[in-house]
PDB file of all heavy atoms in Angstrom:
ATOM      1  N   VAL A   1       8.540 -23.690   7.351  1.00  0.00           N
ATOM      2  CA  VAL A   1       9.363 -23.194   6.255  1.00  0.00           C
ATOM      3  C   VAL A   1      10.484 -22.361   6.865  1.00  0.00           C
ATOM      4  O   VAL A   1      10.246 -21.524   7.733  1.00  0.00           O
ATOM      5  CB  VAL A   1       8.525 -22.330   5.274  1.00  0.00           C
ATOM      6  CG1 VAL A   1       9.404 -21.739   4.186  1.00  0.00           C
ATOM      7  CG2 VAL A   1       7.403 -23.153   4.666  1.00  0.00           C
ATOM      8  N   GLY A   2      11.702 -22.583   6.407  1.00  0.00           N
ATOM      9  CA  GLY A   2      12.842 -21.815   6.902  1.00  0.00           C
ATOM     10  C   GLY A   2      14.018 -22.715   7.166  1.00  0.00           C
ATOM     11  O   GLY A   2      14.164 -23.779   6.556  1.00  0.00           O
ATOM     12  N   THR A   3      14.835 -22.289   8.115  1.00  0.00           N
ATOM     13  CA  THR A   3      16.036 -23.047   8.472  1.00  0.00           C
ATOM     14  C   THR A   3      15.862 -23.644   9.859  1.00  0.00           C
ATOM     15  O   THR A   3      14.885 -23.378  10.551  1.00  0.00           O
ATOM     16  CB  THR A   3      17.277 -22.126   8.470  1.00  0.00           C
ATOM     17  OG1 THR A   3      17.151 -21.196   9.544  1.00  0.00           O
ATOM     18  CG2 THR A   3      17.428 -21.396   7.148  1.00  0.00           C
ATOM     19  N   SER A   4      16.833 -24.408  10.293  1.00  0.00           N
ATOM     20  CA  SER A   4      16.735 -25.039  11.609  1.00  0.00           C
ATOM     21  C   SER A   4      16.800 -24.018  12.739  1.00  0.00           C
ATOM     22  O   SER A   4      16.355 -24.287  13.851  1.00  0.00           O
ATOM     23  CB  SER A   4      17.841 -26.092  11.775  1.00  0.00           C
ATOM     24  OG  SER A   4      19.107 -25.471  11.664  1.00  0.00           O
ATOM     25  N   THR A   5      17.338 -22.836  12.481  1.00  0.00           N
ATOM     26  CA  THR A   5      17.421 -21.822  13.525  1.00  0.00           C
ATOM     27  C   THR A   5      16.298 -20.792  13.451  1.00  0.00           C
ATOM     28  O   THR A   5      16.034 -20.098  14.435  1.00  0.00           O
ATOM     29  CB  THR A   5      18.768 -21.070  13.455  1.00  0.00           C
ATOM     30  OG1 THR A   5      18.896 -20.484  12.162  1.00  0.00           O
ATOM     31  CG2 THR A   5      19.923 -22.028  13.726  1.00  0.00           C
ATOM     32  N   ARG A   6      15.683 -20.680  12.322  1.00  0.00           N
ATOM     33  CA  ARG A   6      14.586 -19.714  12.173  1.00  0.00           C
ATOM     34  C   ARG A   6      13.589 -20.253  11.163  1.00  0.00           C
ATOM     35  O   ARG A   6      13.893 -20.379   9.978  1.00  0.00           O
ATOM     36  CB  ARG A   6      15.131 -18.367  11.716  1.00  0.00           C
ATOM     37  CG  ARG A   6      14.066 -17.317  11.639  1.00  0.00           C
ATOM     38  CD  ARG A   6      14.646 -15.998  11.236  1.00  0.00           C
ATOM     39  NE  ARG A   6      13.547 -15.082  11.036  1.00  0.00           N
ATOM     40  CZ  ARG A   6      13.610 -13.794  11.217  1.00  0.00           C
ATOM     41  NH1 ARG A   6      14.758 -13.261  11.598  1.00  0.00           N
ATOM     42  NH2 ARG A   6      12.578 -13.032  11.010  1.00  0.00           N
ATOM     43  N   PHE A   7      12.410 -20.559  11.652  1.00  0.00           N
ATOM     44  CA  PHE A   7      11.374 -21.064  10.757  1.00  0.00           C
ATOM     45  C   PHE A   7      10.004 -20.668  11.274  1.00  0.00           C
ATOM     46  O   PHE A   7       9.860 -20.221  12.405  1.00  0.00           O
ATOM     47  CB  PHE A   7      11.487 -22.589  10.596  1.00  0.00           C
ATOM     48  CG  PHE A   7      11.245 -23.366  11.849  1.00  0.00           C
ATOM     49  CD1 PHE A   7       9.968 -23.789  12.185  1.00  0.00           C
ATOM     50  CD2 PHE A   7      12.292 -23.682  12.695  1.00  0.00           C
ATOM     51  CE1 PHE A   7       9.747 -24.512  13.346  1.00  0.00           C
ATOM     52  CE2 PHE A   7      12.073 -24.405  13.855  1.00  0.00           C
ATOM     53  CZ  PHE A   7      10.802 -24.815  14.184  1.00  0.00           C
ATOM     54  N   THR A   8       9.041 -20.832  10.414  1.00  0.00           N
ATOM     55  CA  THR A   8       7.665 -20.524  10.782  1.00  0.00           C
ATOM     56  C   THR A   8       6.739 -21.528  10.112  1.00  0.00           C
ATOM     57  O   THR A   8       7.078 -22.073   9.060  1.00  0.00           O
ATOM     58  CB  THR A   8       7.283 -19.077  10.379  1.00  0.00           C
ATOM     59  OG1 THR A   8       5.988 -18.788  10.878  1.00  0.00           O
ATOM     60  CG2 THR A   8       7.282 -18.897   8.875  1.00  0.00           C
ATOM     61  N   TYR A   9       5.629 -21.766  10.735  1.00  0.00           N
ATOM     62  CA  TYR A   9       4.607 -22.611  10.131  1.00  0.00           C
ATOM     63  C   TYR A   9       3.752 -21.712   9.252  1.00  0.00           C
ATOM     64  O   TYR A   9       3.263 -20.678   9.708  1.00  0.00           O
ATOM     65  CB  TYR A   9       3.745 -23.284  11.208  1.00  0.00           C
ATOM     66  CG  TYR A   9       2.805 -24.312  10.627  1.00  0.00           C
ATOM     67  CD1 TYR A   9       3.246 -25.604  10.389  1.00  0.00           C
ATOM     68  CD2 TYR A   9       1.498 -23.980  10.298  1.00  0.00           C
ATOM     69  CE1 TYR A   9       2.400 -26.548   9.853  1.00  0.00           C
ATOM     70  CE2 TYR A   9       0.644 -24.923   9.758  1.00  0.00           C
ATOM     71  CZ  TYR A   9       1.104 -26.208   9.531  1.00  0.00           C
ATOM     72  OH  TYR A   9       0.265 -27.137   8.991  1.00  0.00           O
ATOM     73  N   THR A  10       3.595 -22.065   7.991  1.00  0.00           N
ATOM     74  CA  THR A  10       2.884 -21.187   7.066  1.00  0.00           C
ATOM     75  C   THR A  10       2.214 -21.987   5.956  1.00  0.00           C
ATOM     76  O   THR A  10       2.379 -23.198   5.868  1.00  0.00           O
ATOM     77  CB  THR A  10       3.856 -20.134   6.476  1.00  0.00           C
ATOM     78  OG1 THR A  10       3.108 -19.143   5.780  1.00  0.00           O
ATOM     79  CG2 THR A  10       4.856 -20.765   5.521  1.00  0.00           C
ATOM     80  N   ALA A  11       1.488 -21.281   5.151  1.00  0.00           N
ATOM     81  CA  ALA A  11       0.865 -21.843   3.946  1.00  0.00           C
ATOM     82  C   ALA A  11       1.309 -20.979   2.777  1.00  0.00           C
ATOM     83  O   ALA A  11       1.267 -19.749   2.851  1.00  0.00           O
ATOM     84  CB  ALA A  11      -0.648 -21.835   4.069  1.00  0.00           C
ATOM     85  N   ILE A  12       1.724 -21.623   1.699  1.00  0.00           N
ATOM     86  CA  ILE A  12       2.235 -20.919   0.523  1.00  0.00           C
ATOM     87  C   ILE A  12       1.565 -21.503  -0.717  1.00  0.00           C
ATOM     88  O   ILE A  12       1.356 -22.706  -0.808  1.00  0.00           O
ATOM     89  CB  ILE A  12       3.772 -21.091   0.395  1.00  0.00           C
ATOM     90  CG1 ILE A  12       4.483 -20.530   1.627  1.00  0.00           C
ATOM     91  CG2 ILE A  12       4.292 -20.417  -0.867  1.00  0.00           C
ATOM     92  CD1 ILE A  12       5.970 -20.838   1.654  1.00  0.00           C
ATOM     93  N   GLY A  13       1.267 -20.645  -1.654  1.00  0.00           N
ATOM     94  CA  GLY A  13       0.753 -21.115  -2.934  1.00  0.00           C
ATOM     95  C   GLY A  13      -0.266 -20.155  -3.521  1.00  0.00           C
ATOM     96  O   GLY A  13      -0.766 -19.247  -2.852  1.00  0.00           O
ATOM     97  N   ASP A  14      -0.582 -20.366  -4.781  1.00  0.00           N
ATOM     98  CA  ASP A  14      -1.529 -19.520  -5.483  1.00  0.00           C
ATOM     99  C   ASP A  14      -2.902 -19.566  -4.827  1.00  0.00           C
ATOM    100  O   ASP A  14      -3.589 -18.541  -4.731  1.00  0.00           O
ATOM    101  CB  ASP A  14      -1.618 -19.948  -6.954  1.00  0.00           C
ATOM    102  CG  ASP A  14      -2.441 -18.982  -7.767  1.00  0.00           C
ATOM    103  OD1 ASP A  14      -2.129 -17.773  -7.762  1.00  0.00           O
ATOM    104  OD2 ASP A  14      -3.427 -19.425  -8.393  1.00  0.00           O
ATOM    105  N   SER A  15      -3.307 -20.720  -4.337  1.00  0.00           N
ATOM    106  CA  SER A  15      -4.612 -20.845  -3.677  1.00  0.00           C
ATOM    107  C   SER A  15      -4.676 -20.016  -2.408  1.00  0.00           C
ATOM    108  O   SER A  15      -5.713 -19.403  -2.107  1.00  0.00           O
ATOM    109  CB  SER A  15      -4.906 -22.302  -3.335  1.00  0.00           C
ATOM    110  OG  SER A  15      -5.039 -23.056  -4.506  1.00  0.00           O
ATOM    111  N   VAL A  16      -3.587 -19.982  -1.673  1.00  0.00           N
ATOM    112  CA  VAL A  16      -3.524 -19.188  -0.442  1.00  0.00           C
ATOM    113  C   VAL A  16      -3.597 -17.705  -0.793  1.00  0.00           C
ATOM    114  O   VAL A  16      -4.316 -16.930  -0.158  1.00  0.00           O
ATOM    115  CB  VAL A  16      -2.235 -19.503   0.353  1.00  0.00           C
ATOM    116  CG1 VAL A  16      -2.114 -18.621   1.583  1.00  0.00           C
ATOM    117  CG2 VAL A  16      -2.186 -20.970   0.713  1.00  0.00           C
ATOM    118  N   ASN A  17      -2.877 -17.320  -1.831  1.00  0.00           N
ATOM    119  CA  ASN A  17      -2.884 -15.927  -2.269  1.00  0.00           C
ATOM    120  C   ASN A  17      -4.289 -15.506  -2.713  1.00  0.00           C
ATOM    121  O   ASN A  17      -4.760 -14.425  -2.362  1.00  0.00           O
ATOM    122  CB  ASN A  17      -1.889 -15.739  -3.412  1.00  0.00           C
ATOM    123  CG  ASN A  17      -1.764 -14.291  -3.825  1.00  0.00           C
ATOM    124  OD1 ASN A  17      -1.665 -13.401  -2.992  1.00  0.00           O
ATOM    125  ND2 ASN A  17      -1.792 -14.054  -5.119  1.00  0.00           N
ATOM    126  N   LEU A  18      -4.967 -16.371  -3.456  1.00  0.00           N
ATOM    127  CA  LEU A  18      -6.316 -16.038  -3.913  1.00  0.00           C
ATOM    128  C   LEU A  18      -7.283 -15.925  -2.734  1.00  0.00           C
ATOM    129  O   LEU A  18      -8.098 -15.005  -2.683  1.00  0.00           O
ATOM    130  CB  LEU A  18      -6.823 -17.067  -4.928  1.00  0.00           C
ATOM    131  CG  LEU A  18      -8.196 -16.764  -5.527  1.00  0.00           C
ATOM    132  CD1 LEU A  18      -8.271 -15.363  -6.120  1.00  0.00           C
ATOM    133  CD2 LEU A  18      -8.544 -17.818  -6.573  1.00  0.00           C
ATOM    134  N   ALA A  19      -7.190 -16.818  -1.767  1.00  0.00           N
ATOM    135  CA  ALA A  19      -8.043 -16.725  -0.576  1.00  0.00           C
ATOM    136  C   ALA A  19      -7.803 -15.400   0.148  1.00  0.00           C
ATOM    137  O   ALA A  19      -8.746 -14.761   0.622  1.00  0.00           O
ATOM    138  CB  ALA A  19      -7.785 -17.902   0.362  1.00  0.00           C
ATOM    139  N   SER A  20      -6.556 -14.962   0.201  1.00  0.00           N
ATOM    140  CA  SER A  20      -6.229 -13.687   0.829  1.00  0.00           C
ATOM    141  C   SER A  20      -6.845 -12.523   0.068  1.00  0.00           C
ATOM    142  O   SER A  20      -7.388 -11.590   0.665  1.00  0.00           O
ATOM    143  CB  SER A  20      -4.711 -13.525   0.896  1.00  0.00           C
ATOM    144  OG  SER A  20      -4.372 -12.245   1.385  1.00  0.00           O
ATOM    145  N   ARG A  21      -6.788 -12.572  -1.245  1.00  0.00           N
ATOM    146  CA  ARG A  21      -7.397 -11.507  -2.072  1.00  0.00           C
ATOM    147  C   ARG A  21      -8.911 -11.474  -1.867  1.00  0.00           C
ATOM    148  O   ARG A  21      -9.510 -10.407  -1.773  1.00  0.00           O
ATOM    149  CB  ARG A  21      -7.102 -11.719  -3.542  1.00  0.00           C
ATOM    150  CG  ARG A  21      -5.656 -11.777  -3.901  1.00  0.00           C
ATOM    151  CD  ARG A  21      -5.054 -10.422  -4.022  1.00  0.00           C
ATOM    152  NE  ARG A  21      -3.733 -10.556  -4.609  1.00  0.00           N
ATOM    153  CZ  ARG A  21      -2.681  -9.923  -4.185  1.00  0.00           C
ATOM    154  NH1 ARG A  21      -2.787  -9.095  -3.174  1.00  0.00           N
ATOM    155  NH2 ARG A  21      -1.526 -10.083  -4.753  1.00  0.00           N
ATOM    156  N   VAL A  22      -9.521 -12.640  -1.802  1.00  0.00           N
ATOM    157  CA  VAL A  22     -10.971 -12.731  -1.600  1.00  0.00           C
ATOM    158  C   VAL A  22     -11.339 -12.195  -0.217  1.00  0.00           C
ATOM    159  O   VAL A  22     -12.343 -11.496  -0.065  1.00  0.00           O
ATOM    160  CB  VAL A  22     -11.459 -14.180  -1.814  1.00  0.00           C
ATOM    161  CG1 VAL A  22     -12.894 -14.354  -1.381  1.00  0.00           C
ATOM    162  CG2 VAL A  22     -11.287 -14.573  -3.285  1.00  0.00           C
ATOM    163  N   GLU A  23     -10.528 -12.480   0.779  1.00  0.00           N
ATOM    164  CA  GLU A  23     -10.786 -11.955   2.127  1.00  0.00           C
ATOM    165  C   GLU A  23     -10.852 -10.431   2.097  1.00  0.00           C
ATOM    166  O   GLU A  23     -11.744  -9.820   2.689  1.00  0.00           O
ATOM    167  CB  GLU A  23      -9.687 -12.424   3.095  1.00  0.00           C
ATOM    168  CG  GLU A  23      -9.808 -11.853   4.489  1.00  0.00           C
ATOM    169  CD  GLU A  23      -9.114 -10.516   4.669  1.00  0.00           C
ATOM    170  OE1 GLU A  23      -8.056 -10.289   4.054  1.00  0.00           O
ATOM    171  OE2 GLU A  23      -9.663  -9.685   5.414  1.00  0.00           O
ATOM    172  N   GLY A  24      -9.944  -9.799   1.380  1.00  0.00           N
ATOM    173  CA  GLY A  24      -9.910  -8.349   1.309  1.00  0.00           C
ATOM    174  C   GLY A  24     -11.118  -7.741   0.615  1.00  0.00           C
ATOM    175  O   GLY A  24     -11.483  -6.590   0.879  1.00  0.00           O
ATOM    176  N   ILE A  25     -11.751  -8.493  -0.252  1.00  0.00           N
ATOM    177  CA  ILE A  25     -12.910  -7.991  -0.987  1.00  0.00           C
ATOM    178  C   ILE A  25     -14.107  -7.778  -0.056  1.00  0.00           C
ATOM    179  O   ILE A  25     -14.986  -6.963  -0.343  1.00  0.00           O
ATOM    180  CB  ILE A  25     -13.245  -8.939  -2.160  1.00  0.00           C
ATOM    181  CG1 ILE A  25     -12.142  -8.848  -3.212  1.00  0.00           C
ATOM    182  CG2 ILE A  25     -14.583  -8.606  -2.784  1.00  0.00           C
ATOM    183  CD1 ILE A  25     -12.281  -9.837  -4.334  1.00  0.00           C
ATOM    184  N   ASN A  26     -14.132  -8.471   1.070  1.00  0.00           N
ATOM    185  CA  ASN A  26     -15.212  -8.286   2.041  1.00  0.00           C
ATOM    186  C   ASN A  26     -15.432  -6.817   2.388  1.00  0.00           C
ATOM    187  O   ASN A  26     -16.568  -6.388   2.619  1.00  0.00           O
ATOM    188  CB  ASN A  26     -14.916  -9.051   3.335  1.00  0.00           C
ATOM    189  CG  ASN A  26     -15.285 -10.501   3.273  1.00  0.00           C
ATOM    190  OD1 ASN A  26     -16.451 -10.853   3.182  1.00  0.00           O
ATOM    191  ND2 ASN A  26     -14.276 -11.357   3.332  1.00  0.00           N
ATOM    192  N   LYS A  27     -14.354  -6.031   2.451  1.00  0.00           N
ATOM    193  CA  LYS A  27     -14.502  -4.637   2.882  1.00  0.00           C
ATOM    194  C   LYS A  27     -15.336  -3.824   1.902  1.00  0.00           C
ATOM    195  O   LYS A  27     -16.022  -2.892   2.309  1.00  0.00           O
ATOM    196  CB  LYS A  27     -13.150  -3.988   3.136  1.00  0.00           C
ATOM    197  CG  LYS A  27     -12.262  -3.849   1.944  1.00  0.00           C
ATOM    198  CD  LYS A  27     -10.903  -3.296   2.362  1.00  0.00           C
ATOM    199  CE  LYS A  27      -9.890  -3.598   1.288  1.00  0.00           C
ATOM    200  NZ  LYS A  27      -8.544  -3.384   1.742  1.00  0.00           N
ATOM    201  N   PHE A  28     -15.339  -4.164   0.625  1.00  0.00           N
ATOM    202  CA  PHE A  28     -16.154  -3.441  -0.355  1.00  0.00           C
ATOM    203  C   PHE A  28     -17.640  -3.750  -0.162  1.00  0.00           C
ATOM    204  O   PHE A  28     -18.480  -2.877  -0.300  1.00  0.00           O
ATOM    205  CB  PHE A  28     -15.751  -3.808  -1.788  1.00  0.00           C
ATOM    206  CG  PHE A  28     -14.363  -3.371  -2.144  1.00  0.00           C
ATOM    207  CD1 PHE A  28     -13.322  -4.283  -2.146  1.00  0.00           C
ATOM    208  CD2 PHE A  28     -14.099  -2.047  -2.461  1.00  0.00           C
ATOM    209  CE1 PHE A  28     -12.034  -3.882  -2.478  1.00  0.00           C
ATOM    210  CE2 PHE A  28     -12.820  -1.635  -2.783  1.00  0.00           C
ATOM    211  CZ  PHE A  28     -11.777  -2.567  -2.789  1.00  0.00           C
ATOM    212  N   TYR A  29     -17.933  -5.011   0.133  1.00  0.00           N
ATOM    213  CA  TYR A  29     -19.317  -5.465   0.210  1.00  0.00           C
ATOM    214  C   TYR A  29     -19.908  -5.372   1.617  1.00  0.00           C
ATOM    215  O   TYR A  29     -21.105  -5.555   1.790  1.00  0.00           O
ATOM    216  CB  TYR A  29     -19.429  -6.909  -0.303  1.00  0.00           C
ATOM    217  CG  TYR A  29     -19.060  -7.006  -1.751  1.00  0.00           C
ATOM    218  CD1 TYR A  29     -17.751  -7.247  -2.148  1.00  0.00           C
ATOM    219  CD2 TYR A  29     -20.017  -6.807  -2.744  1.00  0.00           C
ATOM    220  CE1 TYR A  29     -17.395  -7.290  -3.484  1.00  0.00           C
ATOM    221  CE2 TYR A  29     -19.671  -6.847  -4.076  1.00  0.00           C
ATOM    222  CZ  TYR A  29     -18.356  -7.085  -4.441  1.00  0.00           C
ATOM    223  OH  TYR A  29     -18.012  -7.116  -5.762  1.00  0.00           O
ATOM    224  N   GLY A  30     -19.063  -5.108   2.613  1.00  0.00           N
ATOM    225  CA  GLY A  30     -19.548  -5.051   3.991  1.00  0.00           C
ATOM    226  C   GLY A  30     -19.925  -6.422   4.521  1.00  0.00           C
ATOM    227  O   GLY A  30     -20.757  -6.550   5.410  1.00  0.00           O
ATOM    228  N   THR A  31     -19.297  -7.453   3.990  1.00  0.00           N
ATOM    229  CA  THR A  31     -19.577  -8.834   4.374  1.00  0.00           C
ATOM    230  C   THR A  31     -18.474  -9.362   5.280  1.00  0.00           C
ATOM    231  O   THR A  31     -17.450  -8.704   5.481  1.00  0.00           O
ATOM    232  CB  THR A  31     -19.681  -9.728   3.117  1.00  0.00           C
ATOM    233  OG1 THR A  31     -18.493  -9.543   2.321  1.00  0.00           O
ATOM    234  CG2 THR A  31     -20.902  -9.370   2.279  1.00  0.00           C
ATOM    235  N   SER A  32     -18.681 -10.564   5.781  1.00  0.00           N
ATOM    236  CA  SER A  32     -17.680 -11.187   6.648  1.00  0.00           C
ATOM    237  C   SER A  32     -17.024 -12.404   6.009  1.00  0.00           C
ATOM    238  O   SER A  32     -15.863 -12.683   6.266  1.00  0.00           O
ATOM    239  CB  SER A  32     -18.317 -11.607   7.973  1.00  0.00           C
ATOM    240  OG  SER A  32     -18.759 -10.477   8.674  1.00  0.00           O
ATOM    241  N   ILE A  33     -17.782 -13.161   5.197  1.00  0.00           N
ATOM    242  CA  ILE A  33     -17.233 -14.383   4.594  1.00  0.00           C
ATOM    243  C   ILE A  33     -17.549 -14.392   3.098  1.00  0.00           C
ATOM    244  O   ILE A  33     -18.713 -14.411   2.701  1.00  0.00           O
ATOM    245  CB  ILE A  33     -17.830 -15.655   5.218  1.00  0.00           C
ATOM    246  CG1 ILE A  33     -17.679 -15.660   6.731  1.00  0.00           C
ATOM    247  CG2 ILE A  33     -17.180 -16.899   4.604  1.00  0.00           C
ATOM    248  CD1 ILE A  33     -18.424 -16.801   7.425  1.00  0.00           C
ATOM    249  N   ILE A  34     -16.498 -14.383   2.291  1.00  0.00           N
ATOM    250  CA  ILE A  34     -16.655 -14.503   0.840  1.00  0.00           C
ATOM    251  C   ILE A  34     -15.858 -15.711   0.379  1.00  0.00           C
ATOM    252  O   ILE A  34     -14.732 -15.947   0.817  1.00  0.00           O
ATOM    253  CB  ILE A  34     -16.192 -13.245   0.091  1.00  0.00           C
ATOM    254  CG1 ILE A  34     -17.105 -12.056   0.415  1.00  0.00           C
ATOM    255  CG2 ILE A  34     -16.176 -13.491  -1.418  1.00  0.00           C
ATOM    256  CD1 ILE A  34     -16.738 -10.767  -0.293  1.00  0.00           C
ATOM    257  N   ALA A  35     -16.460 -16.470  -0.534  1.00  0.00           N
ATOM    258  CA  ALA A  35     -15.819 -17.656  -1.093  1.00  0.00           C
ATOM    259  C   ALA A  35     -15.801 -17.559  -2.612  1.00  0.00           C
ATOM    260  O   ALA A  35     -16.662 -16.915  -3.217  1.00  0.00           O
ATOM    261  CB  ALA A  35     -16.582 -18.916  -0.678  1.00  0.00           C
ATOM    262  N   THR A  36     -14.848 -18.223  -3.205  1.00  0.00           N
ATOM    263  CA  THR A  36     -14.818 -18.349  -4.664  1.00  0.00           C
ATOM    264  C   THR A  36     -15.814 -19.414  -5.086  1.00  0.00           C
ATOM    265  O   THR A  36     -16.269 -20.231  -4.273  1.00  0.00           O
ATOM    266  CB  THR A  36     -13.418 -18.760  -5.151  1.00  0.00           C
ATOM    267  OG1 THR A  36     -13.114 -20.065  -4.619  1.00  0.00           O
ATOM    268  CG2 THR A  36     -12.345 -17.759  -4.734  1.00  0.00           C
ATOM    269  N   SER A  37     -16.122 -19.440  -6.376  1.00  0.00           N
ATOM    270  CA  SER A  37     -17.038 -20.464  -6.881  1.00  0.00           C
ATOM    271  C   SER A  37     -16.438 -21.857  -6.716  1.00  0.00           C
ATOM    272  O   SER A  37     -17.180 -22.827  -6.514  1.00  0.00           O
ATOM    273  CB  SER A  37     -17.405 -20.199  -8.345  1.00  0.00           C
ATOM    274  OG  SER A  37     -16.243 -20.140  -9.145  1.00  0.00           O
ATOM    275  N   ALA A  38     -15.114 -21.970  -6.755  1.00  0.00           N
ATOM    276  CA  ALA A  38     -14.477 -23.281  -6.574  1.00  0.00           C
ATOM    277  C   ALA A  38     -14.797 -23.847  -5.189  1.00  0.00           C
ATOM    278  O   ALA A  38     -15.133 -25.027  -5.055  1.00  0.00           O
ATOM    279  CB  ALA A  38     -12.963 -23.174  -6.768  1.00  0.00           C
ATOM    280  N   LEU A  39     -14.724 -23.002  -4.168  1.00  0.00           N
ATOM    281  CA  LEU A  39     -15.035 -23.462  -2.818  1.00  0.00           C
ATOM    282  C   LEU A  39     -16.525 -23.731  -2.664  1.00  0.00           C
ATOM    283  O   LEU A  39     -16.932 -24.741  -2.103  1.00  0.00           O
ATOM    284  CB  LEU A  39     -14.560 -22.428  -1.785  1.00  0.00           C
ATOM    285  CG  LEU A  39     -14.632 -22.812  -0.318  1.00  0.00           C
ATOM    286  CD1 LEU A  39     -15.955 -22.756   0.332  1.00  0.00           C
ATOM    287  CD2 LEU A  39     -13.770 -23.947   0.030  1.00  0.00           C
ATOM    288  N   ARG A  40     -17.342 -22.813  -3.179  1.00  0.00           N
ATOM    289  CA  ARG A  40     -18.797 -22.987  -3.086  1.00  0.00           C
ATOM    290  C   ARG A  40     -19.220 -24.284  -3.771  1.00  0.00           C
ATOM    291  O   ARG A  40     -20.025 -25.053  -3.244  1.00  0.00           O
ATOM    292  CB  ARG A  40     -19.503 -21.784  -3.719  1.00  0.00           C
ATOM    293  CG  ARG A  40     -20.988 -21.618  -3.399  1.00  0.00           C
ATOM    294  CD  ARG A  40     -21.958 -22.328  -4.309  1.00  0.00           C
ATOM    295  NE  ARG A  40     -21.536 -22.470  -5.664  1.00  0.00           N
ATOM    296  CZ  ARG A  40     -22.182 -22.028  -6.711  1.00  0.00           C
ATOM    297  NH1 ARG A  40     -23.294 -21.367  -6.559  1.00  0.00           N
ATOM    298  NH2 ARG A  40     -21.735 -22.247  -7.920  1.00  0.00           N
TER     299      ARG A  40
END
């Protein structure tokens, strides 16, 4: 994503954002891997 002179390989979308939010929830529970019911 970007221009021919400056770009990066990335993932964008609501699903990516939700996975990021779920990752952060681990700190409350003291866990390492949390998944949504959709993934489970």
